[in-house]
């Protein structure tokens, strides 16, 4: 372990994060009653320019009047390059003081973007005398943001999570795709010819590098990494495949842009009973080894050591967190 100890963000359950347009009071009410771990109330992409003011009022009413217990509530503000952003913060934070848990900052390009939002939020909290400190979620969805991802991750003590915004990222990098979060048949490899001359074509994951880099930056700074949207809401199998890939790479959860995706994310990012039992067995075996003065043992024919304890503790703690919800 490095001598540099990284402070971890609050351990919020973040298997599913549901996007809800602030322009729809009906959708806001349904979200409060739903099963998502985190709900982000959207003022950005899902809200048309002439609906921004109405959406803010809807969100203020929803925060003040609806029961959000059991959920973490976030709000996605408009980008710093718009004239909507400062009103998003001022109106909602003053209109519903202490009700939000997180602010989601879109299209973060530099650490200064985070600093700017931090400054405004800090002033509003001081003016409203709110003791609860709002955390930040940052969406990495531009080439600039990906280039500066480590500086962004370290930009504020409010930072809690990094998210991969695949659609805008594709546009920013001029990727040859129009899908949102899925694979592309043109991204693949052709095998060498077999003895009969036949060749197989294997699709690849064109987003692997971006997500893996985001996970490293998030974990290096104690933040939660989250995979972003999957656009085809009629393809649960496709969503499941992308979510499982993100889970294997280290993501804690995935966005749901439709309520039908919430249960999928919750199931995928919940450890199975078999995995939990194995993790507990590892902890028990290592505890016995410690009593016997050994640093490593075998369990079911496989070596386990101190690193195994850390992996097992992560899984057991996640299971306890879910049970607590």
C-alpha atoms as a PDB file:
ATOM      1  CA  UNK A   1       0.000   0.000   0.000  1.00  0.00           C
ATOM      2  CA  UNK A   2       1.265   3.454  -0.860  1.00  0.00           C
ATOM      3  CA  UNK A   3       2.082   5.868   1.942  1.00  0.00           C
ATOM      4  CA  UNK A   4      -0.486   8.132   0.272  1.00  0.00           C
ATOM      5  CA  UNK A   5      -3.865   7.218   1.728  1.00  0.00           C
ATOM      6  CA  UNK A   6      -6.865   8.078  -0.446  1.00  0.00           C
ATOM      7  CA  UNK A   7      -9.975   9.305   1.343  1.00  0.00           C
ATOM      8  CA  UNK A   8     -13.004   7.411   0.099  1.00  0.00           C
ATOM      9  CA  UNK A   9     -16.211   9.106  -1.011  1.00  0.00           C
ATOM     10  CA  UNK A  10     -19.349   8.365   1.046  1.00  0.00           C
ATOM     11  CA  UNK A  11     -20.345   4.738   0.573  1.00  0.00           C
ATOM     12  CA  UNK A  12     -23.657   5.304  -1.162  1.00  0.00           C
ATOM     13  CA  UNK A  13     -25.465   2.407  -2.795  1.00  0.00           C
ATOM     14  CA  UNK A  14     -25.222   3.218  -6.504  1.00  0.00           C
ATOM     15  CA  UNK A  15     -26.214   0.118  -8.496  1.00  0.00           C
ATOM     16  CA  UNK A  16     -28.817   1.957 -10.563  1.00  0.00           C
ATOM     17  CA  UNK A  17     -29.077   5.660 -11.351  1.00  0.00           C
ATOM     18  CA  UNK A  18     -32.342   6.687 -12.962  1.00  0.00           C
ATOM     19  CA  UNK A  19     -32.533   9.737 -15.212  1.00  0.00           C
ATOM     20  CA  UNK A  20     -35.777  11.694 -14.796  1.00  0.00           C
ATOM     21  CA  UNK A  21     -36.660  14.819 -16.830  1.00  0.00           C
ATOM     22  CA  UNK A  22     -37.482  17.732 -14.555  1.00  0.00           C
ATOM     23  CA  UNK A  23     -40.092  18.904 -17.050  1.00  0.00           C
ATOM     24  CA  UNK A  24     -42.435  16.034 -16.128  1.00  0.00           C
ATOM     25  CA  UNK A  25     -44.048  16.231 -12.688  1.00  0.00           C
ATOM     26  CA  UNK A  26     -45.610  12.804 -13.296  1.00  0.00           C
ATOM     27  CA  UNK A  27     -42.237  11.158 -13.975  1.00  0.00           C
ATOM     28  CA  UNK A  28     -40.769  12.796 -10.876  1.00  0.00           C
ATOM     29  CA  UNK A  29     -43.520  11.332  -8.729  1.00  0.00           C
ATOM     30  CA  UNK A  30     -43.021   7.863 -10.209  1.00  0.00           C
ATOM     31  CA  UNK A  31     -39.263   8.078  -9.635  1.00  0.00           C
ATOM     32  CA  UNK A  32     -39.779   8.798  -5.935  1.00  0.00           C
ATOM     33  CA  UNK A  33     -41.784   5.584  -5.682  1.00  0.00           C
ATOM     34  CA  UNK A  34     -39.407   3.477  -7.796  1.00  0.00           C
ATOM     35  CA  UNK A  35     -36.580   1.072  -6.959  1.00  0.00           C
ATOM     36  CA  UNK A  36     -33.560   3.056  -8.194  1.00  0.00           C
ATOM     37  CA  UNK A  37     -30.732   3.567  -5.700  1.00  0.00           C
ATOM     38  CA  UNK A  38     -30.014   7.041  -7.088  1.00  0.00           C
ATOM     39  CA  UNK A  39     -32.320   9.332  -9.030  1.00  0.00           C
ATOM     40  CA  UNK A  40     -30.984  12.304 -10.932  1.00  0.00           C
ATOM     41  CA  UNK A  41     -33.501  15.024 -11.699  1.00  0.00           C
ATOM     42  CA  UNK A  42     -32.512  16.345 -15.087  1.00  0.00           C
ATOM     43  CA  UNK A  43     -32.394  19.982 -16.144  1.00  0.00           C
ATOM     44  CA  UNK A  44     -30.024  19.442 -19.052  1.00  0.00           C
ATOM     45  CA  UNK A  45     -30.423  17.246 -22.152  1.00  0.00           C
ATOM     46  CA  UNK A  46     -33.902  15.912 -21.350  1.00  0.00           C
ATOM     47  CA  UNK A  47     -35.378  19.406 -20.986  1.00  0.00           C
ATOM     48  CA  UNK A  48     -36.045  21.737 -23.932  1.00  0.00           C
ATOM     49  CA  UNK A  49     -34.778  25.347 -23.615  1.00  0.00           C
ATOM     50  CA  UNK A  50     -38.262  26.816 -23.192  1.00  0.00           C
ATOM     51  CA  UNK A  51     -39.024  24.250 -20.456  1.00  0.00           C
ATOM     52  CA  UNK A  52     -36.009  24.989 -18.223  1.00  0.00           C
ATOM     53  CA  UNK A  53     -37.797  27.371 -15.880  1.00  0.00           C
ATOM     54  CA  UNK A  54     -40.789  25.082 -15.494  1.00  0.00           C
ATOM     55  CA  UNK A  55     -38.480  22.131 -14.849  1.00  0.00           C
ATOM     56  CA  UNK A  56     -36.739  23.973 -12.007  1.00  0.00           C
ATOM     57  CA  UNK A  57     -40.104  24.687 -10.377  1.00  0.00           C
ATOM     58  CA  UNK A  58     -41.141  21.047 -10.784  1.00  0.00           C
ATOM     59  CA  UNK A  59     -37.938  19.858  -9.152  1.00  0.00           C
ATOM     60  CA  UNK A  60     -38.279  22.276  -6.234  1.00  0.00           C
ATOM     61  CA  UNK A  61     -41.839  21.052  -5.635  1.00  0.00           C
ATOM     62  CA  UNK A  62     -40.780  17.407  -5.948  1.00  0.00           C
ATOM     63  CA  UNK A  63     -37.912  17.828  -3.481  1.00  0.00           C
ATOM     64  CA  UNK A  64     -40.128  19.580  -0.956  1.00  0.00           C
ATOM     65  CA  UNK A  65     -43.302  17.519  -1.309  1.00  0.00           C
ATOM     66  CA  UNK A  66     -42.366  13.943  -2.290  1.00  0.00           C
ATOM     67  CA  UNK A  67     -40.956  11.205  -0.085  1.00  0.00           C
ATOM     68  CA  UNK A  68     -37.449  10.331  -1.315  1.00  0.00           C
ATOM     69  CA  UNK A  69     -36.514   8.190   1.681  1.00  0.00           C
ATOM     70  CA  UNK A  70     -34.335   5.213   0.784  1.00  0.00           C
ATOM     71  CA  UNK A  71     -32.904   7.020  -2.235  1.00  0.00           C
ATOM     72  CA  UNK A  72     -30.022   9.313  -3.025  1.00  0.00           C
ATOM     73  CA  UNK A  73     -31.288  12.329  -4.971  1.00  0.00           C
ATOM     74  CA  UNK A  74     -29.137  14.183  -7.473  1.00  0.00           C
ATOM     75  CA  UNK A  75     -29.796  16.986  -9.951  1.00  0.00           C
ATOM     76  CA  UNK A  76     -28.118  17.351 -13.317  1.00  0.00           C
ATOM     77  CA  UNK A  77     -27.520  21.015 -13.999  1.00  0.00           C
ATOM     78  CA  UNK A  78     -26.969  22.566 -17.390  1.00  0.00           C
ATOM     79  CA  UNK A  79     -23.448  22.965 -18.734  1.00  0.00           C
ATOM     80  CA  UNK A  80     -21.110  25.730 -17.672  1.00  0.00           C
ATOM     81  CA  UNK A  81     -21.145  27.010 -21.251  1.00  0.00           C
ATOM     82  CA  UNK A  82     -24.857  27.907 -20.954  1.00  0.00           C
ATOM     83  CA  UNK A  83     -26.661  30.736 -19.203  1.00  0.00           C
ATOM     84  CA  UNK A  84     -28.932  28.258 -17.419  1.00  0.00           C
ATOM     85  CA  UNK A  85     -26.409  26.757 -15.026  1.00  0.00           C
ATOM     86  CA  UNK A  86     -26.217  29.424 -12.328  1.00  0.00           C
ATOM     87  CA  UNK A  87     -30.003  29.727 -12.147  1.00  0.00           C
ATOM     88  CA  UNK A  88     -30.267  25.936 -11.804  1.00  0.00           C
ATOM     89  CA  UNK A  89     -28.103  26.067  -8.709  1.00  0.00           C
ATOM     90  CA  UNK A  90     -29.462  29.245  -7.141  1.00  0.00           C
ATOM     91  CA  UNK A  91     -33.168  28.582  -7.643  1.00  0.00           C
ATOM     92  CA  UNK A  92     -33.223  24.907  -6.659  1.00  0.00           C
ATOM     93  CA  UNK A  93     -30.769  25.035  -3.757  1.00  0.00           C
ATOM     94  CA  UNK A  94     -32.485  28.095  -2.304  1.00  0.00           C
ATOM     95  CA  UNK A  95     -35.972  26.784  -3.085  1.00  0.00           C
ATOM     96  CA  UNK A  96     -35.386  23.361  -1.516  1.00  0.00           C
ATOM     97  CA  UNK A  97     -32.507  23.847   0.941  1.00  0.00           C
ATOM     98  CA  UNK A  98     -30.952  20.666   2.297  1.00  0.00           C
ATOM     99  CA  UNK A  99     -33.048  18.359   0.101  1.00  0.00           C
ATOM    100  CA  UNK A 100     -30.492  17.373  -2.551  1.00  0.00           C
ATOM    101  CA  UNK A 101     -27.702  14.886  -1.896  1.00  0.00           C
ATOM    102  CA  UNK A 102     -25.740  15.397  -5.103  1.00  0.00           C
ATOM    103  CA  UNK A 103     -25.194  17.750  -8.024  1.00  0.00           C
ATOM    104  CA  UNK A 104     -24.386  16.155 -11.367  1.00  0.00           C
ATOM    105  CA  UNK A 105     -22.083  18.298 -13.506  1.00  0.00           C
ATOM    106  CA  UNK A 106     -22.274  17.510 -17.239  1.00  0.00           C
ATOM    107  CA  UNK A 107     -19.503  17.725 -19.823  1.00  0.00           C
ATOM    108  CA  UNK A 108     -16.787  18.465 -17.288  1.00  0.00           C
ATOM    109  CA  UNK A 109     -13.683  19.442 -19.233  1.00  0.00           C
ATOM    110  CA  UNK A 110     -11.257  20.779 -16.636  1.00  0.00           C
ATOM    111  CA  UNK A 111     -10.781  20.905 -12.883  1.00  0.00           C
ATOM    112  CA  UNK A 112     -11.753  24.587 -13.045  1.00  0.00           C
ATOM    113  CA  UNK A 113     -15.286  23.578 -14.090  1.00  0.00           C
ATOM    114  CA  UNK A 114     -15.697  21.668 -10.842  1.00  0.00           C
ATOM    115  CA  UNK A 115     -14.126  24.518  -8.860  1.00  0.00           C
ATOM    116  CA  UNK A 116     -16.634  26.971 -10.341  1.00  0.00           C
ATOM    117  CA  UNK A 117     -19.646  24.897  -9.312  1.00  0.00           C
ATOM    118  CA  UNK A 118     -18.076  24.277  -5.907  1.00  0.00           C
ATOM    119  CA  UNK A 119     -17.710  28.012  -5.347  1.00  0.00           C
ATOM    120  CA  UNK A 120     -21.345  28.760  -6.169  1.00  0.00           C
ATOM    121  CA  UNK A 121     -22.716  25.834  -4.167  1.00  0.00           C
ATOM    122  CA  UNK A 122     -20.572  26.757  -1.154  1.00  0.00           C
ATOM    123  CA  UNK A 123     -21.889  30.319  -1.193  1.00  0.00           C
ATOM    124  CA  UNK A 124     -25.510  29.145  -1.427  1.00  0.00           C
ATOM    125  CA  UNK A 125     -25.034  26.674   1.426  1.00  0.00           C
ATOM    126  CA  UNK A 126     -23.520  29.413   3.578  1.00  0.00           C
ATOM    127  CA  UNK A 127     -26.327  31.855   2.722  1.00  0.00           C
ATOM    128  CA  UNK A 128     -29.084  29.309   3.450  1.00  0.00           C
ATOM    129  CA  UNK A 129     -27.276  28.008   6.552  1.00  0.00           C
ATOM    130  CA  UNK A 130     -27.559  24.416   5.343  1.00  0.00           C
ATOM    131  CA  UNK A 131     -25.231  22.079   7.214  1.00  0.00           C
ATOM    132  CA  UNK A 132     -25.606  19.114   4.862  1.00  0.00           C
ATOM    133  CA  UNK A 133     -22.823  19.202   2.268  1.00  0.00           C
ATOM    134  CA  UNK A 134     -23.843  18.380  -1.288  1.00  0.00           C
ATOM    135  CA  UNK A 135     -21.614  15.945  -3.172  1.00  0.00           C
ATOM    136  CA  UNK A 136     -20.659  16.111  -6.852  1.00  0.00           C
ATOM    137  CA  UNK A 137     -21.058  13.653  -9.707  1.00  0.00           C
ATOM    138  CA  UNK A 138     -19.040  14.463 -12.830  1.00  0.00           C
ATOM    139  CA  UNK A 139     -19.872  13.191 -16.288  1.00  0.00           C
ATOM    140  CA  UNK A 140     -16.850  12.537 -18.487  1.00  0.00           C
ATOM    141  CA  UNK A 141     -18.296  12.964 -21.972  1.00  0.00           C
ATOM    142  CA  UNK A 142     -15.759  14.931 -23.994  1.00  0.00           C
ATOM    143  CA  UNK A 143     -12.237  14.380 -25.231  1.00  0.00           C
ATOM    144  CA  UNK A 144     -11.135  17.309 -23.044  1.00  0.00           C
ATOM    145  CA  UNK A 145     -12.702  15.741 -19.980  1.00  0.00           C
ATOM    146  CA  UNK A 146     -11.058  12.387 -20.630  1.00  0.00           C
ATOM    147  CA  UNK A 147      -7.683  14.074 -21.151  1.00  0.00           C
ATOM    148  CA  UNK A 148      -8.026  15.853 -17.791  1.00  0.00           C
ATOM    149  CA  UNK A 149      -9.823  13.081 -15.924  1.00  0.00           C
ATOM    150  CA  UNK A 150      -7.368  12.739 -13.028  1.00  0.00           C
ATOM    151  CA  UNK A 151      -7.326  16.483 -12.347  1.00  0.00           C
ATOM    152  CA  UNK A 152     -11.139  16.512 -12.484  1.00  0.00           C
ATOM    153  CA  UNK A 153     -11.382  13.591 -10.058  1.00  0.00           C
ATOM    154  CA  UNK A 154      -9.213  15.468  -7.550  1.00  0.00           C
ATOM    155  CA  UNK A 155     -10.766  18.909  -8.066  1.00  0.00           C
ATOM    156  CA  UNK A 156     -13.022  19.102  -4.996  1.00  0.00           C
ATOM    157  CA  UNK A 157     -13.590  17.343  -1.664  1.00  0.00           C
ATOM    158  CA  UNK A 158     -17.243  17.248  -2.718  1.00  0.00           C
ATOM    159  CA  UNK A 159     -16.452  14.809  -5.538  1.00  0.00           C
ATOM    160  CA  UNK A 160     -18.133  11.434  -5.190  1.00  0.00           C
ATOM    161  CA  UNK A 161     -18.410   9.779  -8.587  1.00  0.00           C
ATOM    162  CA  UNK A 162     -17.356   9.775 -12.230  1.00  0.00           C
ATOM    163  CA  UNK A 163     -19.779   8.789 -14.990  1.00  0.00           C
ATOM    164  CA  UNK A 164     -19.115   7.876 -18.610  1.00  0.00           C
ATOM    165  CA  UNK A 165     -21.377   9.875 -20.932  1.00  0.00           C
ATOM    166  CA  UNK A 166     -21.056   7.716 -24.003  1.00  0.00           C
ATOM    167  CA  UNK A 167     -23.218   9.641 -26.508  1.00  0.00           C
ATOM    168  CA  UNK A 168     -21.571  13.049 -26.129  1.00  0.00           C
ATOM    169  CA  UNK A 169     -18.181  11.361 -25.835  1.00  0.00           C
ATOM    170  CA  UNK A 170     -18.750   9.691 -29.199  1.00  0.00           C
ATOM    171  CA  UNK A 171     -19.691  13.043 -30.711  1.00  0.00           C
ATOM    172  CA  UNK A 172     -16.693  14.758 -29.128  1.00  0.00           C
ATOM    173  CA  UNK A 173     -14.230  12.189 -30.445  1.00  0.00           C
ATOM    174  CA  UNK A 174     -16.060  12.025 -33.793  1.00  0.00           C
ATOM    175  CA  UNK A 175     -16.552   8.298 -33.414  1.00  0.00           C
ATOM    176  CA  UNK A 176     -18.275   6.662 -36.374  1.00  0.00           C
ATOM    177  CA  UNK A 177     -21.369   5.542 -34.502  1.00  0.00           C
ATOM    178  CA  UNK A 178     -24.859   6.847 -33.784  1.00  0.00           C
ATOM    179  CA  UNK A 179     -25.824   4.311 -31.116  1.00  0.00           C
ATOM    180  CA  UNK A 180     -25.879   5.153 -27.417  1.00  0.00           C
ATOM    181  CA  UNK A 181     -23.769   2.843 -25.326  1.00  0.00           C
ATOM    182  CA  UNK A 182     -23.912  -0.310 -27.404  1.00  0.00           C
ATOM    183  CA  UNK A 183     -21.446  -2.206 -29.571  1.00  0.00           C
ATOM    184  CA  UNK A 184     -20.702  -1.453 -33.217  1.00  0.00           C
ATOM    185  CA  UNK A 185     -20.323  -4.153 -35.905  1.00  0.00           C
ATOM    186  CA  UNK A 186     -17.445  -2.243 -37.488  1.00  0.00           C
ATOM    187  CA  UNK A 187     -15.351  -2.481 -34.324  1.00  0.00           C
ATOM    188  CA  UNK A 188     -13.960  -5.977 -34.495  1.00  0.00           C
ATOM    189  CA  UNK A 189     -11.117  -8.213 -35.586  1.00  0.00           C
ATOM    190  CA  UNK A 190     -10.795 -10.882 -38.256  1.00  0.00           C
ATOM    191  CA  UNK A 191      -9.054 -14.078 -37.263  1.00  0.00           C
ATOM    192  CA  UNK A 192      -6.297 -15.666 -39.330  1.00  0.00           C
ATOM    193  CA  UNK A 193      -7.540 -18.202 -41.895  1.00  0.00           C
ATOM    194  CA  UNK A 194      -8.236 -21.699 -40.575  1.00  0.00           C
ATOM    195  CA  UNK A 195      -7.016 -24.781 -42.453  1.00  0.00           C
ATOM    196  CA  UNK A 196     -10.102 -24.667 -44.641  1.00  0.00           C
ATOM    197  CA  UNK A 197      -9.601 -20.954 -45.353  1.00  0.00           C
ATOM    198  CA  UNK A 198     -12.526 -19.819 -43.205  1.00  0.00           C
ATOM    199  CA  UNK A 199     -12.182 -16.810 -40.935  1.00  0.00           C
ATOM    200  CA  UNK A 200     -14.215 -15.606 -37.965  1.00  0.00           C
ATOM    201  CA  UNK A 201     -15.110 -12.010 -37.158  1.00  0.00           C
ATOM    202  CA  UNK A 202     -15.278 -11.039 -33.472  1.00  0.00           C
ATOM    203  CA  UNK A 203     -16.960  -7.854 -32.324  1.00  0.00           C
ATOM    204  CA  UNK A 204     -15.035  -5.813 -29.793  1.00  0.00           C
ATOM    205  CA  UNK A 205     -16.056  -3.301 -27.128  1.00  0.00           C
ATOM    206  CA  UNK A 206     -15.279   0.122 -28.536  1.00  0.00           C
ATOM    207  CA  UNK A 207     -15.848   1.734 -25.120  1.00  0.00           C
ATOM    208  CA  UNK A 208     -13.525  -0.546 -23.152  1.00  0.00           C
ATOM    209  CA  UNK A 209     -10.590   1.866 -22.965  1.00  0.00           C
ATOM    210  CA  UNK A 210     -12.698   4.872 -21.983  1.00  0.00           C
ATOM    211  CA  UNK A 211     -14.511   3.045 -19.197  1.00  0.00           C
ATOM    212  CA  UNK A 212     -11.365   1.348 -17.910  1.00  0.00           C
ATOM    213  CA  UNK A 213      -9.580   4.702 -17.780  1.00  0.00           C
ATOM    214  CA  UNK A 214     -12.510   6.280 -15.946  1.00  0.00           C
ATOM    215  CA  UNK A 215     -12.535   3.435 -13.411  1.00  0.00           C
ATOM    216  CA  UNK A 216      -8.823   3.881 -12.706  1.00  0.00           C
ATOM    217  CA  UNK A 217      -9.192   7.648 -12.233  1.00  0.00           C
ATOM    218  CA  UNK A 218     -12.208   7.212  -9.974  1.00  0.00           C
ATOM    219  CA  UNK A 219     -10.664   4.536  -7.782  1.00  0.00           C
ATOM    220  CA  UNK A 220      -7.336   6.373  -7.583  1.00  0.00           C
ATOM    221  CA  UNK A 221      -9.184   9.295  -5.994  1.00  0.00           C
ATOM    222  CA  UNK A 222     -11.661   7.354  -3.854  1.00  0.00           C
ATOM    223  CA  UNK A 223     -14.665   7.951  -6.125  1.00  0.00           C
ATOM    224  CA  UNK A 224     -17.395   5.679  -7.464  1.00  0.00           C
ATOM    225  CA  UNK A 225     -17.212   4.890 -11.220  1.00  0.00           C
ATOM    226  CA  UNK A 226     -20.563   4.581 -13.030  1.00  0.00           C
ATOM    227  CA  UNK A 227     -21.338   3.425 -16.544  1.00  0.00           C
ATOM    228  CA  UNK A 228     -23.666   5.728 -18.445  1.00  0.00           C
ATOM    229  CA  UNK A 229     -26.705   5.203 -20.656  1.00  0.00           C
ATOM    230  CA  UNK A 230     -27.722   2.376 -22.971  1.00  0.00           C
ATOM    231  CA  UNK A 231     -30.060   3.858 -25.537  1.00  0.00           C
ATOM    232  CA  UNK A 232     -32.102   0.878 -26.741  1.00  0.00           C
ATOM    233  CA  UNK A 233     -34.704   0.520 -24.014  1.00  0.00           C
ATOM    234  CA  UNK A 234     -36.301  -2.409 -25.899  1.00  0.00           C
ATOM    235  CA  UNK A 235     -33.121  -4.481 -25.687  1.00  0.00           C
ATOM    236  CA  UNK A 236     -32.763  -5.739 -22.091  1.00  0.00           C
ATOM    237  CA  UNK A 237     -30.240  -8.367 -23.167  1.00  0.00           C
ATOM    238  CA  UNK A 238     -28.033  -5.699 -24.717  1.00  0.00           C
ATOM    239  CA  UNK A 239     -28.308  -3.564 -21.584  1.00  0.00           C
ATOM    240  CA  UNK A 240     -27.449  -6.541 -19.414  1.00  0.00           C
ATOM    241  CA  UNK A 241     -24.363  -7.365 -21.472  1.00  0.00           C
ATOM    242  CA  UNK A 242     -23.042  -3.802 -21.305  1.00  0.00           C
ATOM    243  CA  UNK A 243     -23.756  -3.569 -17.569  1.00  0.00           C
ATOM    244  CA  UNK A 244     -21.984  -6.855 -16.816  1.00  0.00           C
ATOM    245  CA  UNK A 245     -18.954  -5.669 -18.772  1.00  0.00           C
ATOM    246  CA  UNK A 246     -18.920  -2.440 -16.750  1.00  0.00           C
ATOM    247  CA  UNK A 247     -19.221  -4.413 -13.510  1.00  0.00           C
ATOM    248  CA  UNK A 248     -16.261  -6.624 -14.410  1.00  0.00           C
ATOM    249  CA  UNK A 249     -14.170  -3.519 -15.158  1.00  0.00           C
ATOM    250  CA  UNK A 250     -14.939  -2.085 -11.715  1.00  0.00           C
ATOM    251  CA  UNK A 251     -18.025   0.106 -12.106  1.00  0.00           C
ATOM    252  CA  UNK A 252     -20.417   0.237  -9.156  1.00  0.00           C
ATOM    253  CA  UNK A 253     -23.529   0.711 -11.238  1.00  0.00           C
ATOM    254  CA  UNK A 254     -25.108   1.920 -14.452  1.00  0.00           C
ATOM    255  CA  UNK A 255     -27.561   4.546 -15.585  1.00  0.00           C
ATOM    256  CA  UNK A 256     -31.163   3.690 -16.330  1.00  0.00           C
ATOM    257  CA  UNK A 257     -32.767   5.998 -18.868  1.00  0.00           C
ATOM    258  CA  UNK A 258     -36.056   4.112 -18.524  1.00  0.00           C
ATOM    259  CA  UNK A 259     -37.631   2.570 -15.408  1.00  0.00           C
ATOM    260  CA  UNK A 260     -37.468  -0.869 -17.065  1.00  0.00           C
ATOM    261  CA  UNK A 261     -33.668  -0.755 -16.795  1.00  0.00           C
ATOM    262  CA  UNK A 262     -33.615  -0.141 -13.020  1.00  0.00           C
ATOM    263  CA  UNK A 263     -34.315  -3.723 -11.942  1.00  0.00           C
ATOM    264  CA  UNK A 264     -31.755  -4.998 -14.442  1.00  0.00           C
ATOM    265  CA  UNK A 265     -29.037  -2.774 -12.986  1.00  0.00           C
ATOM    266  CA  UNK A 266     -29.985  -3.598  -9.398  1.00  0.00           C
ATOM    267  CA  UNK A 267     -29.784  -7.321 -10.102  1.00  0.00           C
ATOM    268  CA  UNK A 268     -26.519  -7.182 -12.042  1.00  0.00           C
ATOM    269  CA  UNK A 269     -24.678  -5.076  -9.468  1.00  0.00           C
ATOM    270  CA  UNK A 270     -25.957  -7.102  -6.502  1.00  0.00           C
ATOM    271  CA  UNK A 271     -23.578  -9.896  -5.412  1.00  0.00           C
ATOM    272  CA  UNK A 272     -25.116 -13.358  -5.726  1.00  0.00           C
ATOM    273  CA  UNK A 273     -25.678 -15.529  -2.662  1.00  0.00           C
ATOM    274  CA  UNK A 274     -22.981 -17.856  -3.980  1.00  0.00           C
ATOM    275  CA  UNK A 275     -20.472 -15.006  -4.269  1.00  0.00           C
ATOM    276  CA  UNK A 276     -21.322 -13.718  -0.790  1.00  0.00           C
ATOM    277  CA  UNK A 277     -20.932 -17.190   0.720  1.00  0.00           C
ATOM    278  CA  UNK A 278     -17.545 -17.574  -0.962  1.00  0.00           C
ATOM    279  CA  UNK A 279     -16.409 -14.147   0.274  1.00  0.00           C
ATOM    280  CA  UNK A 280     -17.413 -15.014   3.848  1.00  0.00           C
ATOM    281  CA  UNK A 281     -15.581 -18.325   3.571  1.00  0.00           C
ATOM    282  CA  UNK A 282     -12.449 -16.463   2.485  1.00  0.00           C
ATOM    283  CA  UNK A 283     -12.668 -14.135   5.478  1.00  0.00           C
ATOM    284  CA  UNK A 284     -13.163 -17.059   7.855  1.00  0.00           C
ATOM    285  CA  UNK A 285     -10.244 -18.984   6.335  1.00  0.00           C
ATOM    286  CA  UNK A 286      -7.932 -15.982   6.561  1.00  0.00           C
ATOM    287  CA  UNK A 287      -8.979 -15.296  10.142  1.00  0.00           C
ATOM    288  CA  UNK A 288      -8.013 -18.857  11.023  1.00  0.00           C
ATOM    289  CA  UNK A 289      -4.737 -18.477   9.142  1.00  0.00           C
ATOM    290  CA  UNK A 290      -3.984 -15.319  11.104  1.00  0.00           C
ATOM    291  CA  UNK A 291      -4.467 -17.170  14.375  1.00  0.00           C
ATOM    292  CA  UNK A 292      -2.035 -19.814  13.137  1.00  0.00           C
ATOM    293  CA  UNK A 293       0.547 -17.237  12.072  1.00  0.00           C
ATOM    294  CA  UNK A 294       0.114 -17.832   8.333  1.00  0.00           C
ATOM    295  CA  UNK A 295      -0.281 -15.106   5.686  1.00  0.00           C
ATOM    296  CA  UNK A 296      -1.815 -17.286   2.987  1.00  0.00           C
ATOM    297  CA  UNK A 297      -3.876 -20.484   2.772  1.00  0.00           C
ATOM    298  CA  UNK A 298      -5.650 -22.535   0.144  1.00  0.00           C
ATOM    299  CA  UNK A 299      -9.423 -22.669  -0.117  1.00  0.00           C
ATOM    300  CA  UNK A 300     -11.087 -25.061  -2.542  1.00  0.00           C
ATOM    301  CA  UNK A 301      -7.686 -25.636  -4.123  1.00  0.00           C
ATOM    302  CA  UNK A 302      -6.990 -21.941  -4.734  1.00  0.00           C
ATOM    303  CA  UNK A 303      -4.500 -19.638  -3.029  1.00  0.00           C
ATOM    304  CA  UNK A 304      -5.949 -16.818  -0.926  1.00  0.00           C
ATOM    305  CA  UNK A 305      -3.946 -14.127   0.845  1.00  0.00           C
ATOM    306  CA  UNK A 306      -4.227 -10.564   2.185  1.00  0.00           C
ATOM    307  CA  UNK A 307      -5.395  -9.288  -1.213  1.00  0.00           C
ATOM    308  CA  UNK A 308      -8.175 -11.879  -1.114  1.00  0.00           C
ATOM    309  CA  UNK A 309      -9.387 -10.388   2.166  1.00  0.00           C
ATOM    310  CA  UNK A 310      -9.756  -6.971   0.577  1.00  0.00           C
ATOM    311  CA  UNK A 311     -11.749  -8.377  -2.338  1.00  0.00           C
ATOM    312  CA  UNK A 312     -13.975 -10.387  -0.018  1.00  0.00           C
ATOM    313  CA  UNK A 313     -14.568  -7.427   2.290  1.00  0.00           C
ATOM    314  CA  UNK A 314     -15.740  -5.307  -0.642  1.00  0.00           C
ATOM    315  CA  UNK A 315     -18.339  -7.914  -1.575  1.00  0.00           C
ATOM    316  CA  UNK A 316     -19.535  -8.549   1.991  1.00  0.00           C
ATOM    317  CA  UNK A 317     -19.813  -4.817   2.672  1.00  0.00           C
ATOM    318  CA  UNK A 318     -21.803  -4.312  -0.534  1.00  0.00           C
ATOM    319  CA  UNK A 319     -24.181  -7.105   0.456  1.00  0.00           C
ATOM    320  CA  UNK A 320     -24.660  -5.537   3.890  1.00  0.00           C
ATOM    321  CA  UNK A 321     -25.302  -2.150   2.298  1.00  0.00           C
ATOM    322  CA  UNK A 322     -27.994  -3.639   0.046  1.00  0.00           C
ATOM    323  CA  UNK A 323     -29.573  -5.533   2.941  1.00  0.00           C
ATOM    324  CA  UNK A 324     -29.656  -2.299   4.927  1.00  0.00           C
ATOM    325  CA  UNK A 325     -31.657  -0.579   2.207  1.00  0.00           C
END
